[in-house]
Amino acid sequence: MAWHIGAQKNGLGMAMLFGGYLKDEDEPSYKMMPSQMNTVAGQQPLLWVNENGERFVNEEVVYNFSLAGNALYTQSNVFSILDQAVIDRMINKGNFMGLGIYVRRGQKMDKLQEELDQAIAAKKSFIFKADTISDLARQMGVPEDKLQATITRYNDFADKGTDDDFGKDPQYLQKVTTGPFYGFKLNVGAFCTMGGLKVSPANEVLDNNYLPIKGLYAAGNDASGLVGDTYGPNMPGTCVGYAFYSGRNAAHNINEYLKK
């Protein structure tokens, strides 16, 4: 809306992506965040395949949301593959990787099987369950022969403790052998807008001549304030400080504007 009335575009050089999340068409995305199924499906350094049924990355990228988002973004479709053995392992011993404040790293996934069963019963579009790898491939729409070859090769790596393709840590080479098998379609997420509007120190939105548009103010990431085209993945939450400051600063200056 601000661009429509002449606001200057600014800081649009990147998309702030993160990866490995389930999308439920029936619910807003935020409701999936505390789900154990969501964490297990997309946040574990286990096995990802693309639309061709092939691995394309060292799945340890899950430990850096920027790398995970970039990896997912390079593929047309991405699926996480889990067998019942690794699911049981995470239920009884704990996950490999948590999800922020929602699910702790190493937490036992005590609600996981119930969430999986409910999603399957509801025929959610993001989850697939099969007794064989061939059937799983058909459900996901990937080539059966390619997926079977990928899993066979992956299991061989697990047996010898060496990932010859991507060098993944052997502890994450968990074999896919015990049915039923689950596939999850993963989505690329975006934390927030990065840039968008050029603002003055008073958080006034500027036009293309760097002049304030009277009465229009912007705050937070929309105001291109703190980080421009970069957000430090090693410092999660750093945008919050500028959000607090710029919101207060904008409100103060709006008040002064209204007095005049």
C-alpha atoms as a PDB file:
ATOM      1  CA  MET A   1       0.000   0.000   0.000  1.00  0.00           C
ATOM      2  CA  ALA A   2       2.863   2.363   0.788  1.00  0.00           C
ATOM      3  CA  TRP A   3       4.529   1.650  -2.561  1.00  0.00           C
ATOM      4  CA  HIS A   4       1.233   2.414  -4.247  1.00  0.00           C
ATOM      5  CA  ILE A   5       1.366   6.009  -3.008  1.00  0.00           C
ATOM      6  CA  GLY A   6       5.016   6.525  -3.894  1.00  0.00           C
ATOM      7  CA  ALA A   7       7.060   5.059  -1.044  1.00  0.00           C
ATOM      8  CA  GLN A   8      10.629   4.134  -1.861  1.00  0.00           C
ATOM      9  CA  LYS A   9      11.374   0.428  -2.153  1.00  0.00           C
ATOM     10  CA  ASN A  10      14.367  -0.588  -0.111  1.00  0.00           C
ATOM     11  CA  GLY A  11      16.363  -3.608   1.026  1.00  0.00           C
ATOM     12  CA  LEU A  12      14.649  -6.279  -1.060  1.00  0.00           C
ATOM     13  CA  GLY A  13      17.803  -8.189  -1.964  1.00  0.00           C
ATOM     14  CA  MET A  14      16.960 -11.438  -0.225  1.00  0.00           C
ATOM     15  CA  ALA A  15      14.245 -13.738   1.005  1.00  0.00           C
ATOM     16  CA  MET A  16      14.546 -14.796   4.626  1.00  0.00           C
ATOM     17  CA  LEU A  17      13.823 -18.493   4.306  1.00  0.00           C
ATOM     18  CA  PHE A  18      13.749 -21.359   6.741  1.00  0.00           C
ATOM     19  CA  GLY A  19      12.978 -24.943   6.031  1.00  0.00           C
ATOM     20  CA  GLY A  20      11.285 -28.166   6.863  1.00  0.00           C
ATOM     21  CA  TYR A  21       7.765 -27.271   7.905  1.00  0.00           C
ATOM     22  CA  LEU A  22       4.431 -28.972   7.289  1.00  0.00           C
ATOM     23  CA  LYS A  23       1.586 -27.019   5.759  1.00  0.00           C
ATOM     24  CA  ASP A  24      -1.945 -27.884   6.795  1.00  0.00           C
ATOM     25  CA  GLU A  25      -4.396 -26.216   4.429  1.00  0.00           C
ATOM     26  CA  ASP A  26      -7.081 -26.359   7.126  1.00  0.00           C
ATOM     27  CA  GLU A  27      -5.143 -24.467   9.798  1.00  0.00           C
ATOM     28  CA  PRO A  28      -3.035 -21.309  10.083  1.00  0.00           C
ATOM     29  CA  SER A  29       0.681 -22.115   9.870  1.00  0.00           C
ATOM     30  CA  TYR A  30       1.524 -21.023  13.406  1.00  0.00           C
ATOM     31  CA  LYS A  31      -0.626 -23.798  14.882  1.00  0.00           C
ATOM     32  CA  MET A  32       1.782 -26.394  13.497  1.00  0.00           C
ATOM     33  CA  MET A  33       4.795 -24.958  15.341  1.00  0.00           C
ATOM     34  CA  PRO A  34       4.400 -26.828  18.679  1.00  0.00           C
ATOM     35  CA  SER A  35       3.466 -30.085  16.952  1.00  0.00           C
ATOM     36  CA  GLN A  36       5.828 -32.984  17.646  1.00  0.00           C
ATOM     37  CA  MET A  37       4.959 -34.360  14.216  1.00  0.00           C
ATOM     38  CA  ASN A  38       6.092 -31.107  12.610  1.00  0.00           C
ATOM     39  CA  THR A  39       9.420 -31.245  14.461  1.00  0.00           C
ATOM     40  CA  VAL A  40       9.994 -34.909  13.639  1.00  0.00           C
ATOM     41  CA  ALA A  41       9.037 -34.520   9.998  1.00  0.00           C
ATOM     42  CA  GLY A  42      11.064 -31.464   9.117  1.00  0.00           C
ATOM     43  CA  GLN A  43      13.649 -30.717  11.781  1.00  0.00           C
ATOM     44  CA  GLN A  44      15.589 -33.980  12.010  1.00  0.00           C
ATOM     45  CA  PRO A  45      18.917 -34.572  10.190  1.00  0.00           C
ATOM     46  CA  LEU A  46      17.680 -37.865   8.750  1.00  0.00           C
ATOM     47  CA  LEU A  47      16.598 -38.456   5.134  1.00  0.00           C
ATOM     48  CA  TRP A  48      15.330 -35.879   2.628  1.00  0.00           C
ATOM     49  CA  VAL A  49      14.590 -36.616  -1.028  1.00  0.00           C
ATOM     50  CA  ASN A  50      13.426 -34.381  -3.850  1.00  0.00           C
ATOM     51  CA  GLU A  51      10.783 -34.811  -6.546  1.00  0.00           C
ATOM     52  CA  ASN A  52      13.073 -37.331  -8.273  1.00  0.00           C
ATOM     53  CA  GLY A  53      13.337 -39.488  -5.164  1.00  0.00           C
ATOM     54  CA  GLU A  54      17.000 -38.507  -4.722  1.00  0.00           C
ATOM     55  CA  ARG A  55      18.995 -36.972  -1.878  1.00  0.00           C
ATOM     56  CA  PHE A  56      20.267 -33.481  -2.648  1.00  0.00           C
ATOM     57  CA  VAL A  57      21.904 -32.204   0.556  1.00  0.00           C
ATOM     58  CA  ASN A  58      23.520 -33.155   3.838  1.00  0.00           C
ATOM     59  CA  GLU A  59      20.423 -33.171   6.019  1.00  0.00           C
ATOM     60  CA  GLU A  60      22.383 -31.644   8.897  1.00  0.00           C
ATOM     61  CA  VAL A  61      21.392 -28.321   7.331  1.00  0.00           C
ATOM     62  CA  VAL A  62      18.456 -28.460   9.754  1.00  0.00           C
ATOM     63  CA  TYR A  63      20.835 -27.077  12.386  1.00  0.00           C
ATOM     64  CA  ASN A  64      20.949 -23.749  10.497  1.00  0.00           C
ATOM     65  CA  PHE A  65      17.570 -22.443   9.356  1.00  0.00           C
ATOM     66  CA  SER A  66      19.081 -20.324   6.602  1.00  0.00           C
ATOM     67  CA  LEU A  67      20.918 -23.271   5.066  1.00  0.00           C
ATOM     68  CA  ALA A  68      17.833 -25.462   5.386  1.00  0.00           C
ATOM     69  CA  GLY A  69      15.627 -22.884   3.685  1.00  0.00           C
ATOM     70  CA  ASN A  70      18.091 -22.387   0.856  1.00  0.00           C
ATOM     71  CA  ALA A  71      18.418 -26.140   0.310  1.00  0.00           C
ATOM     72  CA  LEU A  72      14.659 -26.650   0.137  1.00  0.00           C
ATOM     73  CA  TYR A  73      14.256 -23.675  -2.170  1.00  0.00           C
ATOM     74  CA  THR A  74      16.468 -25.297  -4.811  1.00  0.00           C
ATOM     75  CA  GLN A  75      14.094 -28.244  -5.305  1.00  0.00           C
ATOM     76  CA  SER A  76      10.614 -28.493  -6.803  1.00  0.00           C
ATOM     77  CA  ASN A  77       9.420 -30.757  -3.988  1.00  0.00           C
ATOM     78  CA  VAL A  78      11.065 -32.111  -0.851  1.00  0.00           C
ATOM     79  CA  PHE A  79       9.978 -35.097   1.213  1.00  0.00           C
ATOM     80  CA  SER A  80      11.206 -36.327   4.574  1.00  0.00           C
ATOM     81  CA  ILE A  81      11.283 -40.121   4.850  1.00  0.00           C
ATOM     82  CA  LEU A  82      10.985 -41.895   8.223  1.00  0.00           C
ATOM     83  CA  ASP A  83      10.410 -45.519   9.099  1.00  0.00           C
ATOM     84  CA  GLN A  84       8.639 -46.847  12.169  1.00  0.00           C
ATOM     85  CA  ALA A  85      11.932 -47.770  13.847  1.00  0.00           C
ATOM     86  CA  VAL A  86      13.255 -44.208  13.918  1.00  0.00           C
ATOM     87  CA  ILE A  87       9.849 -42.914  14.981  1.00  0.00           C
ATOM     88  CA  ASP A  88       9.836 -45.374  17.885  1.00  0.00           C
ATOM     89  CA  ARG A  89      13.389 -44.320  18.712  1.00  0.00           C
ATOM     90  CA  MET A  90      12.314 -40.676  18.994  1.00  0.00           C
ATOM     91  CA  ILE A  91       9.269 -41.628  21.042  1.00  0.00           C
ATOM     92  CA  ASN A  92      11.273 -43.689  23.551  1.00  0.00           C
ATOM     93  CA  LYS A  93      14.692 -41.999  23.572  1.00  0.00           C
ATOM     94  CA  GLY A  94      14.085 -38.491  22.264  1.00  0.00           C
ATOM     95  CA  ASN A  95      14.478 -36.521  19.065  1.00  0.00           C
ATOM     96  CA  PHE A  96      17.746 -35.536  17.399  1.00  0.00           C
ATOM     97  CA  MET A  97      16.828 -31.891  16.912  1.00  0.00           C
ATOM     98  CA  GLY A  98      14.216 -29.709  18.591  1.00  0.00           C
ATOM     99  CA  LEU A  99      12.389 -26.610  17.413  1.00  0.00           C
ATOM    100  CA  GLY A 100      13.161 -23.489  19.398  1.00  0.00           C
ATOM    101  CA  ILE A 101      10.982 -22.957  22.441  1.00  0.00           C
ATOM    102  CA  TYR A 102       8.299 -25.338  21.183  1.00  0.00           C
ATOM    103  CA  VAL A 103      10.045 -28.721  21.283  1.00  0.00           C
ATOM    104  CA  ARG A 104      13.302 -29.263  23.163  1.00  0.00           C
ATOM    105  CA  ARG A 105      16.255 -31.032  21.616  1.00  0.00           C
ATOM    106  CA  GLY A 106      16.363 -34.604  22.954  1.00  0.00           C
ATOM    107  CA  GLN A 107      12.755 -34.432  24.146  1.00  0.00           C
ATOM    108  CA  LYS A 108      10.807 -37.697  24.061  1.00  0.00           C
ATOM    109  CA  MET A 109       8.109 -37.484  21.405  1.00  0.00           C
ATOM    110  CA  ASP A 110       5.320 -38.850  23.583  1.00  0.00           C
ATOM    111  CA  LYS A 111       2.517 -37.375  21.462  1.00  0.00           C
ATOM    112  CA  LEU A 112       4.046 -38.244  18.122  1.00  0.00           C
ATOM    113  CA  GLN A 113       2.287 -41.486  17.241  1.00  0.00           C
ATOM    114  CA  GLU A 114      -1.090 -40.029  18.142  1.00  0.00           C
ATOM    115  CA  GLU A 115      -0.436 -36.965  15.958  1.00  0.00           C
ATOM    116  CA  LEU A 116       0.682 -39.171  13.056  1.00  0.00           C
ATOM    117  CA  ASP A 117      -2.379 -41.393  13.334  1.00  0.00           C
ATOM    118  CA  GLN A 118      -4.714 -38.398  13.482  1.00  0.00           C
ATOM    119  CA  ALA A 119      -3.126 -36.802  10.407  1.00  0.00           C
ATOM    120  CA  ILE A 120      -3.403 -40.049   8.442  1.00  0.00           C
ATOM    121  CA  ALA A 121      -7.029 -40.552   9.518  1.00  0.00           C
ATOM    122  CA  ALA A 122      -7.844 -36.997   8.465  1.00  0.00           C
ATOM    123  CA  LYS A 123      -6.131 -37.612   5.096  1.00  0.00           C
ATOM    124  CA  LYS A 124      -3.910 -34.563   5.447  1.00  0.00           C
ATOM    125  CA  SER A 125      -2.141 -33.687   2.212  1.00  0.00           C
ATOM    126  CA  PHE A 126       1.312 -33.392   3.780  1.00  0.00           C
ATOM    127  CA  ILE A 127       1.609 -36.964   5.108  1.00  0.00           C
ATOM    128  CA  PHE A 128       1.902 -40.350   3.393  1.00  0.00           C
ATOM    129  CA  LYS A 129       1.993 -43.815   4.976  1.00  0.00           C
ATOM    130  CA  ALA A 130       2.731 -47.137   3.304  1.00  0.00           C
ATOM    131  CA  ASP A 131       3.859 -50.674   4.077  1.00  0.00           C
ATOM    132  CA  THR A 132       6.374 -50.665   1.215  1.00  0.00           C
ATOM    133  CA  ILE A 133       8.751 -48.126  -0.273  1.00  0.00           C
ATOM    134  CA  SER A 134       7.180 -48.666  -3.695  1.00  0.00           C
ATOM    135  CA  ASP A 135       3.744 -47.761  -2.404  1.00  0.00           C
ATOM    136  CA  LEU A 136       5.151 -44.761  -0.545  1.00  0.00           C
ATOM    137  CA  ALA A 137       6.788 -43.538  -3.756  1.00  0.00           C
ATOM    138  CA  ARG A 138       3.513 -43.868  -5.666  1.00  0.00           C
ATOM    139  CA  GLN A 139       1.646 -41.886  -3.028  1.00  0.00           C
ATOM    140  CA  MET A 140       4.237 -39.114  -3.041  1.00  0.00           C
ATOM    141  CA  GLY A 141       4.431 -39.047  -6.835  1.00  0.00           C
ATOM    142  CA  VAL A 142       8.159 -39.774  -7.093  1.00  0.00           C
ATOM    143  CA  PRO A 143       9.804 -42.467  -9.272  1.00  0.00           C
ATOM    144  CA  GLU A 144       9.644 -45.804  -7.480  1.00  0.00           C
ATOM    145  CA  ASP A 145      12.963 -47.073  -8.821  1.00  0.00           C
ATOM    146  CA  LYS A 146      14.790 -43.869  -7.892  1.00  0.00           C
ATOM    147  CA  LEU A 147      13.433 -43.781  -4.349  1.00  0.00           C
ATOM    148  CA  GLN A 148      14.201 -47.452  -3.789  1.00  0.00           C
ATOM    149  CA  ALA A 149      17.747 -46.977  -5.093  1.00  0.00           C
ATOM    150  CA  THR A 150      18.229 -43.919  -2.872  1.00  0.00           C
ATOM    151  CA  ILE A 151      17.081 -45.778   0.238  1.00  0.00           C
ATOM    152  CA  THR A 152      19.162 -48.854  -0.592  1.00  0.00           C
ATOM    153  CA  ARG A 153      22.265 -46.679  -0.984  1.00  0.00           C
ATOM    154  CA  TYR A 154      21.416 -44.750   2.188  1.00  0.00           C
ATOM    155  CA  ASN A 155      21.031 -47.974   4.169  1.00  0.00           C
ATOM    156  CA  ASP A 156      24.409 -49.138   2.869  1.00  0.00           C
ATOM    157  CA  PHE A 157      25.958 -45.915   4.167  1.00  0.00           C
ATOM    158  CA  ALA A 158      24.325 -46.552   7.542  1.00  0.00           C
ATOM    159  CA  ASP A 159      25.745 -50.085   7.675  1.00  0.00           C
ATOM    160  CA  LYS A 160      29.304 -48.945   7.034  1.00  0.00           C
ATOM    161  CA  GLY A 161      28.999 -45.666   8.977  1.00  0.00           C
ATOM    162  CA  THR A 162      30.113 -43.407   6.126  1.00  0.00           C
ATOM    163  CA  ASP A 163      28.031 -41.072   3.970  1.00  0.00           C
ATOM    164  CA  ASP A 164      29.921 -41.177   0.678  1.00  0.00           C
ATOM    165  CA  ASP A 165      27.571 -38.673  -0.975  1.00  0.00           C
ATOM    166  CA  PHE A 166      27.339 -35.792   1.510  1.00  0.00           C
ATOM    167  CA  GLY A 167      29.546 -36.638   4.487  1.00  0.00           C
ATOM    168  CA  LYS A 168      26.788 -36.601   7.081  1.00  0.00           C
ATOM    169  CA  ASP A 169      27.651 -37.483  10.663  1.00  0.00           C
ATOM    170  CA  PRO A 170      27.204 -41.293  11.008  1.00  0.00           C
ATOM    171  CA  GLN A 171      24.921 -40.915  14.044  1.00  0.00           C
ATOM    172  CA  TYR A 172      22.285 -39.486  11.720  1.00  0.00           C
ATOM    173  CA  LEU A 173      22.533 -42.316   9.187  1.00  0.00           C
ATOM    174  CA  GLN A 174      19.466 -44.111  10.497  1.00  0.00           C
ATOM    175  CA  LYS A 175      18.420 -47.035   8.292  1.00  0.00           C
ATOM    176  CA  VAL A 176      15.020 -47.007   6.593  1.00  0.00           C
ATOM    177  CA  THR A 177      13.978 -50.641   6.810  1.00  0.00           C
ATOM    178  CA  THR A 178      11.068 -51.096   9.220  1.00  0.00           C
ATOM    179  CA  GLY A 179       7.537 -50.478   8.016  1.00  0.00           C
ATOM    180  CA  PRO A 180       5.235 -48.771   8.017  1.00  0.00           C
ATOM    181  CA  PHE A 181       7.065 -46.000   6.194  1.00  0.00           C
ATOM    182  CA  TYR A 182       6.104 -42.336   6.386  1.00  0.00           C
ATOM    183  CA  GLY A 183       6.698 -39.549   3.904  1.00  0.00           C
ATOM    184  CA  PHE A 184       6.144 -35.872   4.670  1.00  0.00           C
ATOM    185  CA  LYS A 185       5.965 -33.096   2.119  1.00  0.00           C
ATOM    186  CA  LEU A 186       8.058 -30.215   3.424  1.00  0.00           C
ATOM    187  CA  ASN A 187       7.536 -26.546   2.759  1.00  0.00           C
ATOM    188  CA  VAL A 188       9.855 -23.564   2.685  1.00  0.00           C
ATOM    189  CA  GLY A 189       8.931 -21.010   5.302  1.00  0.00           C
ATOM    190  CA  ALA A 190       9.631 -17.300   5.545  1.00  0.00           C
ATOM    191  CA  PHE A 191      10.119 -15.641   8.909  1.00  0.00           C
ATOM    192  CA  CYS A 192       9.250 -12.138   7.854  1.00  0.00           C
ATOM    193  CA  THR A 193       9.682  -9.425   5.291  1.00  0.00           C
ATOM    194  CA  MET A 194      13.223  -8.147   5.006  1.00  0.00           C
ATOM    195  CA  GLY A 195      13.181  -4.547   3.908  1.00  0.00           C
ATOM    196  CA  GLY A 196      10.446  -2.922   1.942  1.00  0.00           C
ATOM    197  CA  LEU A 197      10.243   0.716   2.954  1.00  0.00           C
ATOM    198  CA  LYS A 198      12.924   3.366   3.337  1.00  0.00           C
ATOM    199  CA  VAL A 199      12.417   5.397   6.501  1.00  0.00           C
ATOM    200  CA  SER A 200      13.885   8.453   8.187  1.00  0.00           C
ATOM    201  CA  PRO A 201      15.309   8.431  11.740  1.00  0.00           C
ATOM    202  CA  ALA A 202      11.795   9.385  12.835  1.00  0.00           C
ATOM    203  CA  ASN A 203      10.453   6.247  11.113  1.00  0.00           C
ATOM    204  CA  GLU A 204       8.727   8.375   8.485  1.00  0.00           C
ATOM    205  CA  VAL A 205       8.338   6.560   5.177  1.00  0.00           C
ATOM    206  CA  LEU A 206      10.368   8.260   2.459  1.00  0.00           C
ATOM    207  CA  ASP A 207       9.500   8.667  -1.193  1.00  0.00           C
ATOM    208  CA  ASN A 208      11.909   8.198  -4.123  1.00  0.00           C
ATOM    209  CA  ASN A 209      13.293  11.704  -3.546  1.00  0.00           C
ATOM    210  CA  TYR A 210      14.056  10.834   0.096  1.00  0.00           C
ATOM    211  CA  LEU A 211      11.304  13.152   1.301  1.00  0.00           C
ATOM    212  CA  PRO A 212       8.853  12.075   4.024  1.00  0.00           C
ATOM    213  CA  ILE A 213       5.358  11.076   2.960  1.00  0.00           C
ATOM    214  CA  LYS A 214       3.330  13.060   5.457  1.00  0.00           C
ATOM    215  CA  GLY A 215       1.475  10.976   7.991  1.00  0.00           C
ATOM    216  CA  LEU A 216       2.964   7.636   6.900  1.00  0.00           C
ATOM    217  CA  TYR A 217       5.235   5.745   9.285  1.00  0.00           C
ATOM    218  CA  ALA A 218       6.697   2.231   9.289  1.00  0.00           C
ATOM    219  CA  ALA A 219       8.251   0.069  11.989  1.00  0.00           C
ATOM    220  CA  GLY A 220       9.898  -3.317  12.408  1.00  0.00           C
ATOM    221  CA  ASN A 221      11.272  -5.286   9.486  1.00  0.00           C
ATOM    222  CA  ASP A 222       9.002  -3.446   7.053  1.00  0.00           C
ATOM    223  CA  ALA A 223      11.050  -0.350   7.847  1.00  0.00           C
ATOM    224  CA  SER A 224      14.365  -1.846   6.686  1.00  0.00           C
ATOM    225  CA  GLY A 225      15.705  -0.793  10.020  1.00  0.00           C
ATOM    226  CA  LEU A 226      18.039  -3.205  11.733  1.00  0.00           C
ATOM    227  CA  VAL A 227      19.472  -5.658   9.281  1.00  0.00           C
ATOM    228  CA  GLY A 228      18.816  -4.561   5.726  1.00  0.00           C
ATOM    229  CA  ASP A 229      19.473  -7.650   3.617  1.00  0.00           C
ATOM    230  CA  THR A 230      21.105  -9.743   6.347  1.00  0.00           C
ATOM    231  CA  TYR A 231      19.824 -11.490   9.462  1.00  0.00           C
ATOM    232  CA  GLY A 232      22.295 -13.323  11.677  1.00  0.00           C
ATOM    233  CA  PRO A 233      21.131 -16.941  12.100  1.00  0.00           C
ATOM    234  CA  ASN A 234      23.497 -17.227  15.055  1.00  0.00           C
ATOM    235  CA  MET A 235      21.518 -14.524  16.873  1.00  0.00           C
ATOM    236  CA  PRO A 236      17.836 -15.486  16.659  1.00  0.00           C
ATOM    237  CA  GLY A 237      15.435 -12.794  17.737  1.00  0.00           C
ATOM    238  CA  THR A 238      17.738  -9.869  16.988  1.00  0.00           C
ATOM    239  CA  CYS A 239      15.002  -8.117  15.033  1.00  0.00           C
ATOM    240  CA  VAL A 240      12.888  -7.863  18.196  1.00  0.00           C
ATOM    241  CA  GLY A 241      14.931  -5.002  19.638  1.00  0.00           C
ATOM    242  CA  TYR A 242      14.428  -2.855  16.583  1.00  0.00           C
ATOM    243  CA  ALA A 243      10.753  -3.800  16.479  1.00  0.00           C
ATOM    244  CA  PHE A 244      10.297  -2.463  20.021  1.00  0.00           C
ATOM    245  CA  TYR A 245      12.364   0.641  19.394  1.00  0.00           C
ATOM    246  CA  SER A 246      10.911   1.541  16.002  1.00  0.00           C
ATOM    247  CA  GLY A 247       7.337   0.993  17.126  1.00  0.00           C
ATOM    248  CA  ARG A 248       7.818   3.315  20.091  1.00  0.00           C
ATOM    249  CA  ASN A 249       9.772   5.813  18.005  1.00  0.00           C
ATOM    250  CA  ALA A 250       7.123   5.849  15.295  1.00  0.00           C
ATOM    251  CA  ALA A 251       4.325   6.278  17.845  1.00  0.00           C
ATOM    252  CA  HIS A 252       6.155   9.178  19.499  1.00  0.00           C
ATOM    253  CA  ASN A 253       6.633  10.943  16.170  1.00  0.00           C
ATOM    254  CA  ILE A 254       3.065  10.233  15.082  1.00  0.00           C
ATOM    255  CA  ASN A 255       1.916  11.925  18.254  1.00  0.00           C
ATOM    256  CA  GLU A 256       4.056  14.966  17.482  1.00  0.00           C
ATOM    257  CA  TYR A 257       2.756  14.982  13.890  1.00  0.00           C
ATOM    258  CA  LEU A 258      -0.857  14.938  15.079  1.00  0.00           C
ATOM    259  CA  LYS A 259      -0.237  17.823  17.477  1.00  0.00           C
ATOM    260  CA  LYS A 260       0.945  19.919  14.541  1.00  0.00           C
END
